[in-house]
């Protein structure tokens, strides 16, 4: 839970503690959803990955700054423990981390939704960001691992549908978790792109 608390504080202006350099970088790339708009456009127009990479090259400085900042927080909390990173994403997708330090409406660490009936869009935004930084030269293996975890959390949250401010969101059955892990964590970068072509909800795997 402490990872998500720090990560949100660092990058999310809604909590009033956003890092100034992170804020400047997010503004420089056009906001948190600008990269996913470009990703969707190039996927739809059959100009991916070359056209997407060309668009991202103009934003290389702030994108790589954000990538560096994100990895620094991951490494500080997990110290290279891949299983712990995966578990953090699994708990995130299930909404298992209730945090009373957060304001009403945000007390559960999970991907935010526009409303109970509106699926979250930020999974797509983060996926597009991850693909962008890899195309610009970031560590492909490191980001593929994080991207798989992100996709797993997306698949989990689509089924678990954790509620805001509920301290007792139920976890998915372990048998189903094993099925989801087997499906999502085996995907390569192209497979992840194909899954995120589904918007807003993932296919049931």
N, C-alpha and C. Protein backbone atom coordinates (compact mmCIF):
# COMPACT_ATOMS: atom_id res chain seq x y z
N UNK A 1 0.82 -1.21 0.00
CA UNK A 1 0.00 0.00 0.00
C UNK A 1 0.86 1.26 0.00
N UNK A 2 1.99 1.22 0.70
CA UNK A 2 2.83 2.42 0.75
C UNK A 2 3.35 2.79 -0.62
N UNK A 3 3.59 1.78 -1.46
CA UNK A 3 4.02 2.09 -2.83
C UNK A 3 2.99 2.94 -3.54
N UNK A 4 1.73 2.50 -3.52
CA UNK A 4 0.69 3.24 -4.24
C UNK A 4 0.45 4.61 -3.62
N UNK A 5 0.59 4.72 -2.30
CA UNK A 5 0.42 6.01 -1.64
C UNK A 5 1.47 6.99 -2.14
N UNK A 6 2.73 6.57 -2.18
CA UNK A 6 3.78 7.46 -2.65
C UNK A 6 3.65 7.73 -4.15
N UNK A 7 3.34 6.69 -4.92
CA UNK A 7 3.25 6.84 -6.37
C UNK A 7 2.16 7.85 -6.73
N UNK A 8 0.99 7.72 -6.11
CA UNK A 8 -0.10 8.65 -6.37
C UNK A 8 0.26 10.07 -5.95
N UNK A 9 0.85 10.21 -4.78
CA UNK A 9 1.24 11.54 -4.31
C UNK A 9 2.21 12.20 -5.27
N UNK A 10 3.12 11.41 -5.82
CA UNK A 10 4.18 11.94 -6.67
C UNK A 10 3.65 12.42 -8.02
N UNK A 11 2.70 11.67 -8.59
CA UNK A 11 2.27 11.95 -9.95
C UNK A 11 0.87 12.52 -10.09
N UNK A 12 0.05 12.45 -9.05
CA UNK A 12 -1.36 12.84 -9.17
C UNK A 12 -1.60 14.17 -8.47
N UNK A 13 -1.91 15.18 -9.24
CA UNK A 13 -2.10 16.52 -8.68
C UNK A 13 -3.32 16.61 -7.78
N UNK A 14 -4.22 15.64 -7.86
CA UNK A 14 -5.45 15.69 -7.05
C UNK A 14 -5.16 15.64 -5.56
N UNK A 15 -3.99 15.11 -5.18
CA UNK A 15 -3.68 14.96 -3.77
C UNK A 15 -2.82 16.09 -3.22
N UNK A 16 -2.48 17.07 -4.07
CA UNK A 16 -1.81 18.27 -3.60
C UNK A 16 -0.36 18.11 -3.23
N UNK A 17 0.26 16.98 -3.58
CA UNK A 17 1.66 16.77 -3.22
C UNK A 17 2.50 16.38 -4.44
N UNK A 18 2.00 16.65 -5.63
CA UNK A 18 2.69 16.23 -6.84
C UNK A 18 4.08 16.85 -6.94
N UNK A 19 5.04 16.06 -7.37
CA UNK A 19 6.39 16.54 -7.58
C UNK A 19 6.40 17.60 -8.68
N UNK A 20 7.04 18.75 -8.47
CA UNK A 20 7.02 19.81 -9.49
C UNK A 20 7.60 19.37 -10.83
N UNK A 21 8.67 18.58 -10.81
CA UNK A 21 9.24 18.11 -12.08
C UNK A 21 8.30 17.14 -12.78
N UNK A 22 7.63 16.29 -12.02
CA UNK A 22 6.66 15.38 -12.62
C UNK A 22 5.50 16.16 -13.21
N UNK A 23 5.03 17.16 -12.49
CA UNK A 23 3.93 17.99 -12.99
C UNK A 23 4.33 18.67 -14.29
N UNK A 24 5.54 19.22 -14.34
CA UNK A 24 6.00 19.89 -15.56
C UNK A 24 6.11 18.91 -16.72
N UNK A 25 6.58 17.70 -16.45
CA UNK A 25 6.72 16.70 -17.51
C UNK A 25 5.36 16.25 -18.03
N UNK A 26 4.40 16.06 -17.12
CA UNK A 26 3.06 15.65 -17.54
C UNK A 26 2.41 16.75 -18.38
N UNK A 27 2.62 17.99 -17.98
CA UNK A 27 2.09 19.10 -18.78
C UNK A 27 2.76 19.15 -20.15
N UNK A 28 4.05 18.87 -20.19
CA UNK A 28 4.80 18.94 -21.44
C UNK A 28 4.34 17.90 -22.46
N UNK A 29 3.85 16.76 -21.98
CA UNK A 29 3.38 15.73 -22.92
C UNK A 29 1.90 15.91 -23.27
N UNK A 30 1.27 16.94 -22.71
CA UNK A 30 -0.11 17.23 -23.05
C UNK A 30 -1.14 16.69 -22.08
N UNK A 31 -0.68 16.27 -20.90
CA UNK A 31 -1.61 15.73 -19.91
C UNK A 31 -1.54 14.21 -19.86
N UNK A 32 -2.15 13.61 -18.85
CA UNK A 32 -1.99 12.17 -18.63
C UNK A 32 -2.59 11.27 -19.70
N UNK A 33 -3.50 11.80 -20.54
CA UNK A 33 -4.16 10.94 -21.52
C UNK A 33 -3.75 11.24 -22.96
N UNK A 34 -2.85 12.19 -23.16
CA UNK A 34 -2.46 12.56 -24.52
C UNK A 34 -1.73 11.43 -25.23
N UNK A 35 -0.90 10.70 -24.52
CA UNK A 35 -0.13 9.62 -25.15
C UNK A 35 -1.06 8.51 -25.62
N UNK A 36 -2.07 8.19 -24.82
CA UNK A 36 -2.99 7.12 -25.22
C UNK A 36 -3.83 7.54 -26.42
N UNK A 37 -4.14 8.82 -26.53
CA UNK A 37 -4.88 9.27 -27.72
C UNK A 37 -4.04 9.05 -28.98
N UNK A 38 -2.76 9.38 -28.90
CA UNK A 38 -1.88 9.15 -30.05
C UNK A 38 -1.74 7.66 -30.33
N UNK A 39 -1.60 6.86 -29.28
CA UNK A 39 -1.48 5.40 -29.44
C UNK A 39 -2.71 4.84 -30.16
N UNK A 40 -3.91 5.21 -29.68
CA UNK A 40 -5.15 4.74 -30.31
C UNK A 40 -5.22 5.19 -31.77
N UNK A 41 -4.86 6.43 -32.03
CA UNK A 41 -4.93 6.96 -33.40
C UNK A 41 -4.06 6.15 -34.34
N UNK A 42 -2.83 5.88 -33.93
CA UNK A 42 -1.93 5.15 -34.81
C UNK A 42 -2.30 3.67 -34.92
N UNK A 43 -2.84 3.10 -33.86
CA UNK A 43 -3.35 1.73 -33.95
C UNK A 43 -4.51 1.66 -34.94
N UNK A 44 -5.40 2.63 -34.88
CA UNK A 44 -6.58 2.63 -35.75
C UNK A 44 -6.22 2.93 -37.20
N UNK A 45 -5.17 3.73 -37.42
CA UNK A 45 -4.81 4.15 -38.77
C UNK A 45 -3.73 3.27 -39.41
N UNK A 46 -3.36 2.20 -38.73
CA UNK A 46 -2.35 1.27 -39.23
C UNK A 46 -1.01 1.97 -39.46
N UNK A 47 -0.70 2.94 -38.61
CA UNK A 47 0.59 3.65 -38.67
C UNK A 47 1.44 3.37 -37.43
N UNK A 48 1.09 2.31 -36.74
CA UNK A 48 1.79 1.92 -35.51
C UNK A 48 2.76 0.78 -35.84
N UNK A 49 3.98 0.77 -35.36
CA UNK A 49 4.51 1.67 -34.33
C UNK A 49 5.25 2.89 -34.85
N UNK A 50 5.53 2.92 -36.16
CA UNK A 50 6.42 3.97 -36.67
C UNK A 50 5.85 5.37 -36.47
N UNK A 51 4.57 5.55 -36.81
CA UNK A 51 3.98 6.88 -36.65
C UNK A 51 3.89 7.28 -35.19
N UNK A 52 3.57 6.33 -34.34
CA UNK A 52 3.50 6.61 -32.90
C UNK A 52 4.89 6.99 -32.37
N UNK A 53 5.90 6.25 -32.77
CA UNK A 53 7.26 6.57 -32.33
C UNK A 53 7.67 7.96 -32.79
N UNK A 54 7.30 8.31 -34.01
CA UNK A 54 7.64 9.64 -34.52
C UNK A 54 6.99 10.73 -33.66
N UNK A 55 5.73 10.54 -33.32
CA UNK A 55 5.05 11.51 -32.44
C UNK A 55 5.73 11.59 -31.08
N UNK A 56 6.13 10.45 -30.55
CA UNK A 56 6.71 10.40 -29.21
C UNK A 56 8.12 10.97 -29.17
N UNK A 57 8.83 10.91 -30.30
CA UNK A 57 10.19 11.43 -30.33
C UNK A 57 10.23 12.91 -29.98
N UNK A 58 9.20 13.63 -30.38
CA UNK A 58 9.14 15.06 -30.05
C UNK A 58 8.94 15.30 -28.56
N UNK A 59 8.50 14.27 -27.84
CA UNK A 59 8.23 14.38 -26.40
C UNK A 59 9.23 13.56 -25.58
N UNK A 60 10.35 13.21 -26.20
CA UNK A 60 11.27 12.26 -25.57
C UNK A 60 11.76 12.74 -24.20
N UNK A 61 12.11 14.00 -24.08
CA UNK A 61 12.65 14.51 -22.82
C UNK A 61 11.71 14.29 -21.64
N UNK A 62 10.50 14.84 -21.69
CA UNK A 62 9.59 14.64 -20.56
C UNK A 62 9.14 13.20 -20.37
N UNK A 63 8.99 12.45 -21.46
CA UNK A 63 8.60 11.04 -21.32
C UNK A 63 9.67 10.25 -20.57
N UNK A 64 10.92 10.43 -20.94
CA UNK A 64 11.97 9.67 -20.29
C UNK A 64 12.19 10.14 -18.86
N UNK A 65 11.92 11.40 -18.59
CA UNK A 65 11.99 11.89 -17.22
C UNK A 65 10.95 11.19 -16.36
N UNK A 66 9.73 11.09 -16.86
CA UNK A 66 8.68 10.40 -16.12
C UNK A 66 9.01 8.92 -15.94
N UNK A 67 9.57 8.31 -16.97
CA UNK A 67 9.95 6.90 -16.85
C UNK A 67 11.00 6.71 -15.76
N UNK A 68 11.97 7.59 -15.73
CA UNK A 68 13.02 7.53 -14.70
C UNK A 68 12.41 7.69 -13.30
N UNK A 69 11.49 8.63 -13.16
CA UNK A 69 10.87 8.87 -11.86
C UNK A 69 10.01 7.68 -11.43
N UNK A 70 9.29 7.10 -12.36
CA UNK A 70 8.46 5.94 -12.02
C UNK A 70 9.33 4.77 -11.55
N UNK A 71 10.37 4.47 -12.31
CA UNK A 71 11.22 3.34 -11.94
C UNK A 71 11.91 3.57 -10.60
N UNK A 72 12.24 4.81 -10.30
CA UNK A 72 12.89 5.11 -9.02
C UNK A 72 11.97 4.74 -7.86
N UNK A 73 10.68 4.99 -8.00
CA UNK A 73 9.73 4.65 -6.93
C UNK A 73 9.55 3.14 -6.86
N UNK A 74 9.42 2.49 -8.00
CA UNK A 74 9.33 1.02 -8.00
C UNK A 74 10.56 0.42 -7.31
N UNK A 75 11.73 0.88 -7.68
CA UNK A 75 12.96 0.29 -7.15
C UNK A 75 13.13 0.57 -5.66
N UNK A 76 12.71 1.74 -5.23
CA UNK A 76 12.83 2.08 -3.81
C UNK A 76 11.95 1.17 -2.95
N UNK A 77 10.78 0.82 -3.44
CA UNK A 77 9.85 0.02 -2.66
C UNK A 77 10.08 -1.48 -2.81
N UNK A 78 10.46 -1.92 -4.00
CA UNK A 78 10.51 -3.36 -4.26
C UNK A 78 11.92 -3.93 -4.42
N UNK A 79 12.89 -3.07 -4.68
CA UNK A 79 14.30 -3.47 -4.76
C UNK A 79 14.50 -4.67 -5.68
N UNK A 80 13.82 -4.65 -6.82
CA UNK A 80 14.00 -5.71 -7.80
C UNK A 80 13.22 -6.98 -7.54
N UNK A 81 12.35 -6.98 -6.54
CA UNK A 81 11.55 -8.17 -6.21
C UNK A 81 10.34 -8.22 -7.15
N UNK A 82 10.45 -9.01 -8.21
CA UNK A 82 9.40 -9.07 -9.23
C UNK A 82 8.09 -9.59 -8.67
N UNK A 83 8.16 -10.55 -7.75
CA UNK A 83 6.94 -11.10 -7.17
C UNK A 83 6.20 -10.06 -6.34
N UNK A 84 6.94 -9.22 -5.63
CA UNK A 84 6.31 -8.17 -4.83
C UNK A 84 5.66 -7.12 -5.72
N UNK A 85 6.32 -6.79 -6.82
CA UNK A 85 5.72 -5.85 -7.77
C UNK A 85 4.41 -6.41 -8.32
N UNK A 86 4.45 -7.66 -8.73
CA UNK A 86 3.24 -8.29 -9.27
C UNK A 86 2.13 -8.29 -8.23
N UNK A 87 2.45 -8.61 -7.00
CA UNK A 87 1.44 -8.63 -5.94
C UNK A 87 0.83 -7.25 -5.73
N UNK A 88 1.64 -6.21 -5.83
CA UNK A 88 1.11 -4.85 -5.67
C UNK A 88 0.06 -4.54 -6.74
N UNK A 89 0.32 -4.96 -7.98
CA UNK A 89 -0.65 -4.73 -9.05
C UNK A 89 -1.89 -5.60 -8.85
N UNK A 90 -1.71 -6.82 -8.37
CA UNK A 90 -2.87 -7.69 -8.13
C UNK A 90 -3.77 -7.11 -7.04
N UNK A 91 -3.18 -6.62 -5.97
CA UNK A 91 -3.98 -6.00 -4.91
C UNK A 91 -4.64 -4.72 -5.40
N UNK A 92 -3.94 -3.97 -6.24
CA UNK A 92 -4.48 -2.75 -6.83
C UNK A 92 -5.73 -3.06 -7.65
N UNK A 93 -5.65 -4.08 -8.51
CA UNK A 93 -6.79 -4.44 -9.34
C UNK A 93 -7.98 -4.91 -8.54
N UNK A 94 -7.73 -5.56 -7.42
CA UNK A 94 -8.81 -6.05 -6.57
C UNK A 94 -9.32 -5.01 -5.58
N UNK A 95 -8.61 -3.90 -5.45
CA UNK A 95 -9.02 -2.88 -4.50
C UNK A 95 -8.90 -3.32 -3.06
N UNK A 96 -7.81 -4.01 -2.74
CA UNK A 96 -7.66 -4.59 -1.40
C UNK A 96 -7.00 -3.64 -0.41
N UNK A 97 -6.45 -2.53 -0.90
CA UNK A 97 -5.70 -1.63 -0.02
C UNK A 97 -6.53 -0.40 0.34
N UNK A 98 -7.24 -0.48 1.44
CA UNK A 98 -8.01 0.65 1.97
C UNK A 98 -7.05 1.55 2.75
N UNK A 99 -7.12 2.85 2.46
CA UNK A 99 -6.16 3.80 3.05
C UNK A 99 -6.91 5.00 3.60
N UNK A 100 -7.03 5.07 4.91
CA UNK A 100 -7.81 6.14 5.54
C UNK A 100 -7.13 7.50 5.45
N UNK A 101 -5.90 7.55 4.96
CA UNK A 101 -5.23 8.83 4.74
C UNK A 101 -5.80 9.56 3.54
N UNK A 102 -6.49 8.83 2.69
CA UNK A 102 -7.03 9.41 1.47
C UNK A 102 -8.40 10.06 1.73
N UNK A 103 -8.76 11.05 0.89
CA UNK A 103 -10.07 11.70 1.06
C UNK A 103 -11.21 10.77 0.66
N UNK A 104 -12.40 11.14 1.07
CA UNK A 104 -13.60 10.37 0.70
C UNK A 104 -13.67 10.27 -0.82
N UNK A 105 -13.95 9.07 -1.30
CA UNK A 105 -13.99 8.81 -2.73
C UNK A 105 -12.71 8.24 -3.29
N UNK A 106 -11.63 8.32 -2.51
CA UNK A 106 -10.32 7.83 -2.96
C UNK A 106 -9.62 6.97 -1.92
N UNK A 107 -10.38 6.37 -1.03
CA UNK A 107 -9.76 5.64 0.08
C UNK A 107 -9.28 4.24 -0.29
N UNK A 108 -9.60 3.79 -1.47
CA UNK A 108 -9.11 2.49 -1.93
C UNK A 108 -8.13 2.71 -3.07
N UNK A 109 -6.93 2.15 -2.95
CA UNK A 109 -5.94 2.26 -4.01
C UNK A 109 -6.34 1.32 -5.15
N UNK A 110 -6.84 1.92 -6.22
CA UNK A 110 -7.23 1.20 -7.43
C UNK A 110 -7.25 2.21 -8.55
N UNK A 111 -7.49 1.75 -9.78
CA UNK A 111 -7.56 2.70 -10.88
C UNK A 111 -8.89 3.42 -10.82
N UNK A 112 -8.84 4.75 -10.91
CA UNK A 112 -10.04 5.56 -10.76
C UNK A 112 -10.99 5.35 -11.93
N UNK A 113 -12.29 5.46 -11.61
CA UNK A 113 -13.35 5.39 -12.61
C UNK A 113 -14.08 6.72 -12.65
N UNK A 114 -14.71 7.02 -13.80
CA UNK A 114 -15.51 8.22 -13.89
C UNK A 114 -16.78 8.11 -13.08
N UNK A 115 -17.32 6.89 -13.00
CA UNK A 115 -18.53 6.61 -12.23
C UNK A 115 -18.57 5.09 -12.04
N UNK A 116 -19.47 4.58 -11.19
CA UNK A 116 -19.54 3.12 -11.03
C UNK A 116 -19.79 2.36 -12.32
N UNK A 117 -20.43 3.01 -13.30
CA UNK A 117 -20.73 2.34 -14.56
C UNK A 117 -19.72 2.67 -15.66
N UNK A 118 -18.73 3.51 -15.37
CA UNK A 118 -17.76 3.94 -16.37
C UNK A 118 -16.39 3.32 -16.07
N UNK A 119 -15.92 2.38 -16.87
CA UNK A 119 -14.64 1.72 -16.59
C UNK A 119 -13.48 2.72 -16.62
N UNK A 120 -12.42 2.42 -15.89
CA UNK A 120 -11.26 3.33 -15.86
C UNK A 120 -10.56 3.39 -17.21
N UNK A 121 -10.04 4.57 -17.54
CA UNK A 121 -9.30 4.78 -18.79
C UNK A 121 -7.79 4.81 -18.58
N UNK A 122 -7.37 4.92 -17.33
CA UNK A 122 -5.94 5.13 -17.08
C UNK A 122 -5.09 3.89 -17.32
N UNK A 123 -5.69 2.70 -17.35
CA UNK A 123 -4.91 1.53 -17.73
C UNK A 123 -4.38 1.71 -19.16
N UNK A 124 -5.24 2.18 -20.05
CA UNK A 124 -4.82 2.42 -21.42
C UNK A 124 -3.76 3.52 -21.48
N UNK A 125 -3.93 4.55 -20.68
CA UNK A 125 -2.98 5.66 -20.68
C UNK A 125 -1.59 5.19 -20.24
N UNK A 126 -1.56 4.37 -19.21
CA UNK A 126 -0.25 3.90 -18.72
C UNK A 126 0.37 2.91 -19.69
N UNK A 127 -0.46 2.05 -20.30
CA UNK A 127 0.08 1.13 -21.31
C UNK A 127 0.72 1.91 -22.45
N UNK A 128 0.03 2.91 -22.96
CA UNK A 128 0.57 3.70 -24.07
C UNK A 128 1.88 4.38 -23.67
N UNK A 129 1.93 4.88 -22.44
CA UNK A 129 3.17 5.48 -21.94
C UNK A 129 4.30 4.46 -21.93
N UNK A 130 4.02 3.27 -21.44
CA UNK A 130 5.05 2.23 -21.39
C UNK A 130 5.55 1.86 -22.78
N UNK A 131 4.64 1.76 -23.73
CA UNK A 131 5.06 1.43 -25.09
C UNK A 131 5.88 2.57 -25.69
N UNK A 132 5.51 3.80 -25.36
CA UNK A 132 6.24 4.96 -25.89
C UNK A 132 7.68 4.97 -25.40
N UNK A 133 7.88 4.77 -24.10
CA UNK A 133 9.25 4.88 -23.59
C UNK A 133 10.12 3.73 -24.09
N UNK A 134 9.53 2.56 -24.30
CA UNK A 134 10.31 1.45 -24.86
C UNK A 134 10.72 1.77 -26.29
N UNK A 135 9.80 2.30 -27.08
CA UNK A 135 10.14 2.67 -28.45
C UNK A 135 11.21 3.75 -28.50
N UNK A 136 11.31 4.54 -27.44
CA UNK A 136 12.32 5.59 -27.38
C UNK A 136 13.63 5.12 -26.75
N UNK A 137 13.70 3.84 -26.40
CA UNK A 137 14.97 3.29 -25.95
C UNK A 137 15.05 2.86 -24.50
N UNK A 138 13.94 2.91 -23.75
CA UNK A 138 13.96 2.46 -22.37
C UNK A 138 14.15 0.94 -22.31
N UNK A 139 14.51 0.45 -21.14
CA UNK A 139 14.79 -0.97 -20.92
C UNK A 139 13.57 -1.82 -21.28
N UNK A 140 13.67 -2.53 -22.39
CA UNK A 140 12.51 -3.26 -22.92
C UNK A 140 12.04 -4.35 -21.96
N UNK A 141 12.95 -5.10 -21.39
CA UNK A 141 12.57 -6.20 -20.49
C UNK A 141 11.92 -5.67 -19.21
N UNK A 142 12.50 -4.62 -18.66
CA UNK A 142 11.96 -4.06 -17.41
C UNK A 142 10.54 -3.56 -17.61
N UNK A 143 10.33 -2.83 -18.68
CA UNK A 143 9.00 -2.25 -18.91
C UNK A 143 8.00 -3.29 -19.38
N UNK A 144 8.47 -4.34 -20.05
CA UNK A 144 7.55 -5.42 -20.42
C UNK A 144 6.99 -6.09 -19.17
N UNK A 145 7.84 -6.31 -18.18
CA UNK A 145 7.36 -6.89 -16.93
C UNK A 145 6.31 -6.03 -16.26
N UNK A 146 6.56 -4.72 -16.23
CA UNK A 146 5.58 -3.82 -15.63
C UNK A 146 4.30 -3.76 -16.46
N UNK A 147 4.46 -3.81 -17.78
CA UNK A 147 3.29 -3.75 -18.65
C UNK A 147 2.42 -4.99 -18.49
N UNK A 148 3.04 -6.14 -18.33
CA UNK A 148 2.27 -7.36 -18.06
C UNK A 148 1.51 -7.24 -16.75
N UNK A 149 2.17 -6.72 -15.71
CA UNK A 149 1.49 -6.54 -14.43
C UNK A 149 0.33 -5.56 -14.55
N UNK A 150 0.55 -4.49 -15.31
CA UNK A 150 -0.51 -3.51 -15.53
C UNK A 150 -1.71 -4.16 -16.20
N UNK A 151 -1.44 -4.94 -17.25
CA UNK A 151 -2.53 -5.61 -17.96
C UNK A 151 -3.25 -6.60 -17.06
N UNK A 152 -2.50 -7.30 -16.23
CA UNK A 152 -3.12 -8.23 -15.28
C UNK A 152 -4.04 -7.47 -14.33
N UNK A 153 -3.59 -6.35 -13.81
CA UNK A 153 -4.44 -5.55 -12.92
C UNK A 153 -5.69 -5.08 -13.63
N UNK A 154 -5.57 -4.71 -14.90
CA UNK A 154 -6.73 -4.29 -15.70
C UNK A 154 -7.74 -5.43 -15.80
N UNK A 155 -7.23 -6.62 -16.15
CA UNK A 155 -8.12 -7.77 -16.24
C UNK A 155 -8.78 -8.10 -14.91
N UNK A 156 -8.02 -7.99 -13.83
CA UNK A 156 -8.56 -8.26 -12.50
C UNK A 156 -9.63 -7.25 -12.13
N UNK A 157 -9.34 -5.96 -12.32
CA UNK A 157 -10.30 -4.94 -11.89
C UNK A 157 -11.59 -5.03 -12.69
N UNK A 158 -11.49 -5.42 -13.96
CA UNK A 158 -12.70 -5.55 -14.78
C UNK A 158 -13.64 -6.60 -14.22
N UNK A 159 -13.08 -7.62 -13.56
CA UNK A 159 -13.91 -8.67 -12.96
C UNK A 159 -14.26 -8.37 -11.50
N UNK A 160 -13.28 -7.89 -10.75
CA UNK A 160 -13.50 -7.68 -9.31
C UNK A 160 -14.39 -6.48 -9.04
N UNK A 161 -14.25 -5.44 -9.86
CA UNK A 161 -15.03 -4.20 -9.71
C UNK A 161 -15.04 -3.70 -8.27
N UNK A 162 -13.87 -3.41 -7.73
CA UNK A 162 -13.81 -2.91 -6.35
C UNK A 162 -14.51 -1.57 -6.21
N UNK A 163 -15.13 -1.37 -5.07
CA UNK A 163 -15.89 -0.15 -4.81
C UNK A 163 -15.04 0.89 -4.10
N UNK A 164 -15.29 2.15 -4.42
CA UNK A 164 -14.63 3.25 -3.72
C UNK A 164 -14.95 3.17 -2.23
N UNK A 165 -13.92 3.41 -1.42
CA UNK A 165 -14.07 3.57 0.04
C UNK A 165 -14.55 2.32 0.77
N UNK A 166 -14.56 1.18 0.10
CA UNK A 166 -14.96 -0.06 0.77
C UNK A 166 -13.73 -0.71 1.40
N UNK A 167 -13.67 -0.80 2.73
CA UNK A 167 -12.49 -1.42 3.36
C UNK A 167 -12.45 -2.93 3.22
N UNK A 168 -13.51 -3.50 2.65
CA UNK A 168 -13.62 -4.96 2.57
C UNK A 168 -13.97 -5.44 1.17
N UNK A 169 -13.35 -4.84 0.15
CA UNK A 169 -13.56 -5.36 -1.20
C UNK A 169 -13.11 -6.82 -1.24
N UNK A 170 -13.96 -7.71 -1.76
CA UNK A 170 -13.58 -9.14 -1.75
C UNK A 170 -12.55 -9.45 -2.82
N UNK A 171 -11.57 -10.28 -2.51
CA UNK A 171 -10.62 -10.71 -3.53
C UNK A 171 -11.27 -11.71 -4.48
N UNK A 172 -10.71 -11.83 -5.67
CA UNK A 172 -11.16 -12.87 -6.58
C UNK A 172 -10.73 -14.23 -6.05
N UNK A 173 -11.46 -15.29 -6.39
CA UNK A 173 -11.04 -16.63 -5.99
C UNK A 173 -9.64 -16.96 -6.51
N UNK A 174 -8.88 -17.70 -5.73
CA UNK A 174 -7.51 -18.01 -6.13
C UNK A 174 -7.44 -18.77 -7.45
N UNK A 175 -8.41 -19.63 -7.70
CA UNK A 175 -8.41 -20.37 -8.96
C UNK A 175 -8.53 -19.42 -10.14
N UNK A 176 -9.38 -18.41 -10.00
CA UNK A 176 -9.53 -17.44 -11.08
C UNK A 176 -8.28 -16.57 -11.20
N UNK A 177 -7.67 -16.23 -10.09
CA UNK A 177 -6.43 -15.46 -10.14
C UNK A 177 -5.35 -16.22 -10.90
N UNK A 178 -5.27 -17.51 -10.69
CA UNK A 178 -4.28 -18.31 -11.40
C UNK A 178 -4.55 -18.31 -12.90
N UNK A 179 -5.81 -18.37 -13.28
CA UNK A 179 -6.17 -18.31 -14.70
C UNK A 179 -5.77 -16.97 -15.30
N UNK A 180 -6.04 -15.90 -14.59
CA UNK A 180 -5.71 -14.57 -15.09
C UNK A 180 -4.20 -14.39 -15.20
N UNK A 181 -3.47 -14.85 -14.22
CA UNK A 181 -2.01 -14.75 -14.29
C UNK A 181 -1.47 -15.49 -15.51
N UNK A 182 -1.97 -16.70 -15.71
CA UNK A 182 -1.49 -17.51 -16.83
C UNK A 182 -1.77 -16.83 -18.17
N UNK A 183 -2.91 -16.16 -18.27
CA UNK A 183 -3.30 -15.52 -19.52
C UNK A 183 -2.54 -14.22 -19.78
N UNK A 184 -2.51 -13.34 -18.79
CA UNK A 184 -1.96 -12.00 -19.01
C UNK A 184 -0.44 -11.96 -18.95
N UNK A 185 0.16 -12.71 -18.05
CA UNK A 185 1.60 -12.60 -17.85
C UNK A 185 2.40 -13.30 -18.94
N UNK A 186 1.74 -14.02 -19.81
CA UNK A 186 2.43 -14.70 -20.91
C UNK A 186 2.51 -13.85 -22.17
N UNK A 187 1.83 -12.72 -22.19
CA UNK A 187 1.75 -11.91 -23.40
C UNK A 187 3.06 -11.17 -23.67
N UNK A 188 3.42 -11.08 -24.95
CA UNK A 188 4.55 -10.24 -25.33
C UNK A 188 4.03 -8.84 -25.66
N UNK A 189 4.91 -7.95 -26.09
CA UNK A 189 4.52 -6.56 -26.32
C UNK A 189 3.42 -6.45 -27.37
N UNK A 190 3.54 -7.22 -28.46
CA UNK A 190 2.50 -7.17 -29.49
C UNK A 190 1.17 -7.68 -28.95
N UNK A 191 1.23 -8.74 -28.16
CA UNK A 191 0.00 -9.27 -27.58
C UNK A 191 -0.65 -8.28 -26.63
N UNK A 192 0.15 -7.56 -25.87
CA UNK A 192 -0.40 -6.54 -24.97
C UNK A 192 -1.06 -5.42 -25.77
N UNK A 193 -0.41 -4.99 -26.85
CA UNK A 193 -1.03 -3.98 -27.70
C UNK A 193 -2.39 -4.46 -28.21
N UNK A 194 -2.45 -5.70 -28.63
CA UNK A 194 -3.72 -6.24 -29.15
C UNK A 194 -4.79 -6.27 -28.07
N UNK A 195 -4.41 -6.61 -26.84
CA UNK A 195 -5.38 -6.61 -25.75
C UNK A 195 -5.89 -5.20 -25.47
N UNK A 196 -4.98 -4.22 -25.48
CA UNK A 196 -5.39 -2.86 -25.18
C UNK A 196 -6.10 -2.18 -26.35
N UNK A 197 -6.15 -2.84 -27.51
CA UNK A 197 -7.04 -2.37 -28.57
C UNK A 197 -8.49 -2.45 -28.11
N UNK A 198 -8.77 -3.33 -27.15
CA UNK A 198 -10.10 -3.43 -26.56
C UNK A 198 -10.30 -2.25 -25.60
N UNK A 199 -11.33 -1.49 -25.82
CA UNK A 199 -11.55 -0.28 -25.02
C UNK A 199 -13.05 -0.08 -24.82
N UNK A 200 -13.50 0.06 -23.58
CA UNK A 200 -12.72 0.28 -22.36
C UNK A 200 -12.39 -0.99 -21.58
N UNK A 201 -13.09 -2.09 -21.86
CA UNK A 201 -12.92 -3.29 -21.05
C UNK A 201 -12.08 -4.33 -21.76
N UNK A 202 -11.31 -5.11 -21.03
CA UNK A 202 -10.52 -6.18 -21.65
C UNK A 202 -11.40 -7.36 -22.01
N UNK A 203 -10.93 -8.21 -22.92
CA UNK A 203 -11.65 -9.46 -23.15
C UNK A 203 -11.52 -10.36 -21.93
N UNK A 204 -12.45 -11.25 -21.76
CA UNK A 204 -12.35 -12.19 -20.64
C UNK A 204 -11.42 -13.33 -21.06
N UNK A 205 -10.30 -13.45 -20.39
CA UNK A 205 -9.30 -14.47 -20.72
C UNK A 205 -9.34 -15.59 -19.69
